[in-house]
Structures are given as structure tokens and as C-alpha cells.
Protein backbone atom coordinates (compact mmCIF):
# COMPACT_ATOMS: atom_id res chain seq x y z
CA MET A 1 32.04 -58.39 -82.11
CA VAL A 2 30.45 -55.34 -82.87
CA ALA A 3 30.17 -52.72 -79.82
CA GLN A 4 26.78 -52.21 -78.65
CA GLU A 5 25.44 -48.39 -78.85
CA TYR A 6 25.03 -46.67 -75.73
CA THR A 7 21.47 -45.70 -74.52
CA VAL A 8 20.55 -42.63 -72.58
CA ASP A 9 18.30 -43.41 -69.58
CA LEU A 10 16.42 -40.11 -69.52
CA ASN A 11 14.81 -41.54 -66.02
CA LYS A 12 18.46 -41.17 -64.59
CA PRO A 13 20.56 -37.90 -64.07
CA LEU A 14 21.38 -37.04 -67.38
CA VAL A 15 25.02 -35.35 -67.14
CA PHE A 16 27.32 -38.13 -66.71
CA GLN A 17 25.56 -40.53 -69.03
CA VAL A 18 25.86 -38.25 -72.21
CA GLY A 19 29.74 -38.34 -72.67
CA HIS A 20 29.14 -42.35 -73.31
CA LEU A 21 27.55 -41.62 -76.62
CA GLY A 22 30.52 -40.67 -78.09
CA GLU A 23 30.61 -39.79 -81.95
CA ALA A 24 26.60 -40.26 -81.59
CA TYR A 25 26.45 -37.57 -78.86
CA GLN A 26 25.71 -35.02 -81.76
CA GLU A 27 22.74 -37.08 -83.18
CA TRP A 28 21.21 -37.59 -80.26
CA VAL A 29 21.27 -33.90 -78.46
CA HIS A 30 19.92 -32.21 -81.64
CA GLN A 31 16.75 -34.47 -81.41
CA PRO A 32 14.63 -32.35 -79.63
CA ILE A 33 12.37 -33.67 -76.79
CA VAL A 34 9.60 -31.22 -76.33
CA SER A 35 8.36 -31.03 -73.03
CA LYS A 36 8.01 -28.21 -70.20
CA GLU A 37 9.43 -30.76 -67.77
CA GLY A 38 13.21 -30.86 -67.58
CA PRO A 39 15.29 -33.62 -66.97
CA ARG A 40 17.61 -34.33 -63.74
CA PHE A 41 21.12 -33.49 -64.27
CA PHE A 42 22.70 -34.22 -61.45
CA ALA A 43 21.79 -37.02 -58.36
CA SER A 44 23.41 -34.56 -55.93
CA ASP A 45 20.31 -32.06 -54.75
CA PHE A 46 22.93 -28.95 -54.32
CA TRP A 47 24.47 -29.55 -57.53
CA GLU A 48 21.19 -29.80 -59.30
CA SER A 49 19.82 -26.72 -57.62
CA LEU A 50 22.90 -24.57 -59.26
CA THR A 51 21.38 -26.00 -62.99
CA ARG A 52 18.29 -24.23 -62.56
CA THR A 53 17.62 -20.79 -62.47
CA VAL A 54 13.96 -18.63 -62.79
CA TRP A 55 14.11 -15.64 -65.74
CA TRP A 56 13.25 -12.85 -63.51
CA ALA A 57 16.73 -13.55 -61.57
CA ILE A 58 18.69 -12.34 -64.24
CA PRO A 59 17.19 -8.98 -64.46
CA SER A 60 16.84 -8.54 -60.78
CA ILE A 61 20.65 -9.31 -60.41
CA TRP A 62 22.17 -7.95 -63.29
CA LEU A 63 20.19 -4.70 -64.06
CA PRO A 64 21.27 -2.77 -60.77
CA VAL A 65 24.93 -3.62 -61.77
CA VAL A 66 24.35 -1.95 -65.02
CA CYS A 67 22.79 1.26 -63.36
CA PHE A 68 25.91 0.97 -60.94
CA SER A 69 28.39 1.01 -63.85
CA ALA A 70 26.98 3.84 -66.21
CA SER A 71 26.62 6.04 -62.84
CA ARG A 72 30.43 5.45 -62.26
CA SER A 73 31.39 6.98 -66.03
CA MET A 74 28.90 9.95 -65.19
CA LYS A 75 31.06 10.64 -61.65
CA MET A 76 34.04 10.49 -63.90
CA GLY A 77 32.73 13.49 -65.76
CA HIS A 78 30.80 12.01 -68.61
CA THR A 79 27.40 13.72 -69.44
CA LEU A 80 24.26 11.40 -69.49
CA ASP A 81 24.35 11.67 -73.30
CA HIS A 82 27.57 10.44 -73.67
CA VAL A 83 27.19 7.70 -71.19
CA ALA A 84 24.09 6.44 -73.08
CA LEU A 85 25.98 6.42 -76.44
CA ILE A 86 28.52 4.56 -74.73
CA VAL A 87 25.91 2.02 -73.34
CA VAL A 88 24.40 1.38 -76.38
CA THR A 89 27.68 0.75 -78.12
CA GLY A 90 28.12 -1.89 -75.45
CA ILE A 91 25.10 -3.48 -76.46
CA PHE A 92 25.86 -3.52 -80.07
CA ILE A 93 29.58 -5.23 -79.05
CA TRP A 94 27.24 -7.92 -76.94
CA THR A 95 25.16 -8.43 -80.06
CA LEU A 96 28.31 -9.92 -81.89
CA MET A 97 29.28 -11.64 -78.93
CA GLU A 98 25.88 -13.40 -78.81
CA TYR A 99 26.51 -14.57 -82.37
CA THR A 100 30.15 -15.58 -81.93
CA LEU A 101 29.44 -17.76 -78.86
CA HIS A 102 26.29 -19.22 -80.11
CA ARG A 103 28.11 -20.06 -83.72
CA PHE A 104 31.51 -21.25 -82.73
CA LEU A 105 31.22 -22.39 -78.86
CA PHE A 106 27.91 -23.43 -78.13
CA HIS A 107 27.62 -25.49 -81.54
CA ILE A 108 31.09 -26.97 -81.57
CA ASN A 109 31.01 -30.36 -82.58
CA THR A 110 32.42 -32.92 -79.68
CA LYS A 111 32.97 -36.69 -79.47
CA SER A 112 35.30 -37.43 -76.30
CA TYR A 113 33.19 -38.09 -73.04
CA TRP A 114 34.31 -35.04 -71.40
CA ALA A 115 33.91 -32.80 -74.20
CA ASN A 116 30.19 -34.17 -74.77
CA THR A 117 29.66 -33.86 -71.11
CA ALA A 118 30.79 -29.99 -71.07
CA HIS A 119 28.76 -29.32 -74.25
CA TYR A 120 25.86 -30.75 -72.69
CA LEU A 121 26.15 -28.18 -69.89
CA LEU A 122 26.52 -25.29 -71.99
CA HIS A 123 23.89 -25.69 -74.50
CA GLY A 124 23.33 -29.33 -75.77
CA CYS A 125 20.93 -29.57 -72.76
CA HIS A 126 18.75 -26.56 -74.40
CA HIS A 127 18.45 -28.39 -77.60
CA LYS A 128 18.05 -31.94 -76.25
CA HIS A 129 14.82 -30.10 -74.00
CA PRO A 130 14.20 -26.58 -75.27
CA MET A 131 11.13 -25.78 -73.44
CA ASP A 132 12.63 -26.36 -70.08
CA GLY A 133 12.21 -22.91 -68.26
CA LEU A 134 14.55 -23.31 -65.74
CA ARG A 135 17.49 -23.75 -67.74
CA LEU A 136 16.80 -21.31 -70.73
CA VAL A 137 18.99 -18.48 -68.97
CA PHE A 138 22.41 -18.59 -67.72
CA PRO A 139 23.04 -19.23 -63.78
CA PRO A 140 24.08 -15.86 -62.26
CA ALA A 141 26.98 -17.71 -60.59
CA ALA A 142 28.66 -18.65 -64.17
CA THR A 143 27.81 -15.13 -65.21
CA ALA A 144 29.46 -13.56 -62.42
CA ILE A 145 33.01 -15.45 -63.53
CA LEU A 146 32.58 -14.79 -66.76
CA LEU A 147 32.40 -11.22 -65.78
CA PHE A 148 35.57 -11.00 -64.37
CA PRO A 149 37.41 -11.82 -68.24
CA PHE A 150 34.61 -9.54 -69.93
CA TRP A 151 35.67 -6.66 -67.85
CA ASN A 152 39.18 -6.91 -68.67
CA PHE A 153 38.50 -7.36 -72.23
CA VAL A 154 36.75 -3.65 -71.79
CA LYS A 155 39.72 -2.31 -70.34
CA LEU A 156 41.64 -2.83 -72.92
CA ILE A 157 39.28 -1.40 -75.85
CA SER A 158 38.04 1.64 -73.59
CA THR A 159 39.52 4.37 -71.65
CA PRO A 160 39.35 4.49 -67.40
CA THR A 161 36.35 6.84 -67.43
CA SER A 162 34.18 5.15 -70.47
CA ALA A 163 35.05 1.23 -69.54
CA PRO A 164 32.17 1.00 -66.53
CA ALA A 165 29.60 2.77 -69.03
CA LEU A 166 30.88 0.63 -71.52
CA PHE A 167 30.96 -2.77 -69.35
CA GLY A 168 27.28 -2.07 -68.27
CA GLY A 169 25.90 -1.66 -71.85
CA GLY A 170 27.57 -5.16 -72.52
CA LEU A 171 25.96 -6.69 -69.16
CA LEU A 172 22.67 -4.96 -70.54
CA GLY A 173 22.88 -6.34 -73.67
CA TYR A 174 23.13 -10.16 -72.09
CA VAL A 175 20.15 -9.57 -69.74
CA MET A 176 18.21 -8.35 -72.96
CA TYR A 177 19.15 -11.17 -74.66
CA ASP A 178 18.55 -13.88 -72.03
CA CYS A 179 15.26 -12.18 -71.16
CA THR A 180 14.23 -12.39 -74.90
CA HIS A 181 15.58 -15.72 -75.35
CA TYR A 182 12.84 -16.96 -72.60
CA TYR A 183 9.83 -15.34 -74.16
CA LEU A 184 10.86 -16.94 -77.66
CA HIS A 185 10.20 -20.03 -75.90
CA HIS A 186 7.57 -19.31 -73.74
CA GLY A 187 5.80 -16.15 -74.90
CA GLN A 188 2.83 -16.12 -77.47
CA PRO A 189 3.54 -13.15 -79.78
CA ALA A 190 0.71 -12.79 -82.31
CA LYS A 191 2.66 -10.41 -84.65
CA GLY A 192 5.26 -8.12 -84.78
CA VAL A 193 8.80 -8.18 -84.35
CA ALA A 194 8.40 -10.62 -81.51
CA HIS A 195 6.89 -12.89 -83.54
CA ASN A 196 9.03 -12.76 -86.40
CA LEU A 197 12.08 -13.69 -83.90
CA LYS A 198 10.14 -16.55 -82.39
CA ARG A 199 9.65 -18.24 -85.65
CA TYR A 200 13.05 -17.16 -86.96
CA HIS A 201 14.82 -19.12 -83.43
CA LEU A 202 12.41 -21.82 -83.87
CA ASN A 203 13.87 -22.67 -87.04
CA HIS A 204 17.07 -22.63 -85.52
CA HIS A 205 15.72 -25.58 -83.02
CA PHE A 206 13.45 -27.76 -85.29
CA ARG A 207 14.82 -27.43 -88.57
CA ILE A 208 17.95 -25.87 -89.61
CA GLN A 209 20.36 -26.14 -86.45
CA ASP A 210 23.65 -24.80 -88.06
CA LYS A 211 22.15 -21.54 -89.06
CA GLY A 212 19.90 -18.87 -87.48
CA PHE A 213 22.62 -18.12 -84.39
CA GLY A 214 21.06 -14.49 -83.75
CA ILE A 215 18.68 -14.43 -80.85
CA THR A 216 17.89 -10.40 -80.17
CA SER A 217 18.27 -10.13 -84.31
CA ALA A 218 19.34 -11.71 -87.48
CA LEU A 219 21.80 -8.93 -88.08
CA TRP A 220 25.08 -10.88 -87.73
CA ASP A 221 23.57 -13.76 -89.74
CA ARG A 222 23.32 -11.48 -92.61
CA VAL A 223 26.47 -10.17 -92.07
CA PHE A 224 28.39 -13.58 -92.14
CA GLY A 225 25.88 -15.69 -94.38
CA THR A 226 24.29 -17.92 -91.93
CA LEU A 227 20.83 -17.05 -92.65
CA PRO A 228 18.27 -19.91 -93.25
CA PRO A 229 16.75 -20.53 -96.36
CA ASN A 230 13.41 -18.67 -96.82
CA LYS A 231 11.51 -21.63 -97.10
CA ALA A 232 12.80 -23.13 -93.91
CA THR A 233 10.11 -22.06 -91.45
CA VAL A 234 8.34 -23.40 -88.44
CA LYS A 235 4.89 -22.40 -86.80
CA SER A 236 5.35 -20.35 -83.72
CA LYS A 237 4.52 -23.12 -80.78
């Protein structure tokens, strides 16, 4: 007997369905459904609410933390110019983290039930429903948890007085990333850098999904050889 392929019912909560796809999950999740209406994840209204975040919550919540962090380094004796340089360094560090996470974690190949489920929650849902506006930015509760290991990492690579500003710079880089990502999906830039970034990112979604991992820039794609071919372009939507 040949086992029947599992079929996902898009009219039911998806999270605990997708794991059953097994080895077929990767192919399924990279066939996008272009609709601004996002799917339901959980039957529970409470858990469902935790998966939805408006884009403006990101700068509203985290920019005050950025300012507080930078001010701590100033109170420890750093000048404004020095703090600004440290913050820019933090932003630069974030761009490498952005690329690394997107390439090696968000696009990891999975096939077991729980690995598929975790991947769908982390990034697969975005590739399946790329225009779901309430799931384009990272939920603040999850970000808060991840900031603890990031703070410990920053303390390892910096001095006690520069660590707060470096942490703030990395966090500012994240805020810029999430806001840029939202705009690339829902903004309508007619020309310039934003227009080129939008085309670049839509290529990643709709043409070559194993290339073009940068969001805020193509810098690290150039460095590590993951630029998509020039002919692989898609018009901005």
C-alpha cells in the first residue's frame, strides 16, 4: 500500500497541521499564497493573539530601550560622538546577525513533525503567506527573551562602559530591520534604494528562495556569494 499524502486544510488552524507534511513540508511552505488575510494559527484565541503584531509596536517599544542603553554609556563617561560610533558598530553587527539568522536558521531544511512545526512558526509562515501584515515583525515578547543572550554576547566582546551602547546599537539595527521588512512588503516605493530593496526581497520570496538573504542591504550576500543572478528579477507588487 502507498501512504496517502497529507493535505493541509487552510480553513483550520495551521500550526499543528504542517508538521504532518513530513518531507513534503519544504515544497509546500515555499509555494506562497499572496493574500493580505493571514491564516489562523491556533484554535485558542490567547495563543493566536500572541502571533499577531502591528508593525508600529516595534519602534514604540524598543526605541526607548535603545535611548536608555546609549545614555547609560554616556553616564559612564563616554562622549556623545563616541557613543554614536559604538551604536553604529552595533548596527553593523546586527546586519551580520540578520544575514546569518535568515540564511542558516530561518531557511533550515526540516522534515520531522516538530521541526516542521517550529520552522513554520519561526519563518515558514512568512514564506507561505508573505503579505500577512500582522506576522511580518517579530512579537515583542519573543524579542525580549532573545535579548538576554544578546546582552551576554555583547558583554563578552566589549567593555563594561561600552556594552550598553553596543547593545542599543544592535537593538536599533533590529528595529530598522523589522520596519524595513514591513515596508518592503507593504510600501510602494517608486524608485531609489527602497525600490531596489523591494525588488531584491521579492526575488527571494517568489523566484530564488535560497539566495538574497539580506533585508536591509545586500552587503553580506555579496560577501558570502549568495546574490541571486541578475536576470532573476520580479516586479514590485
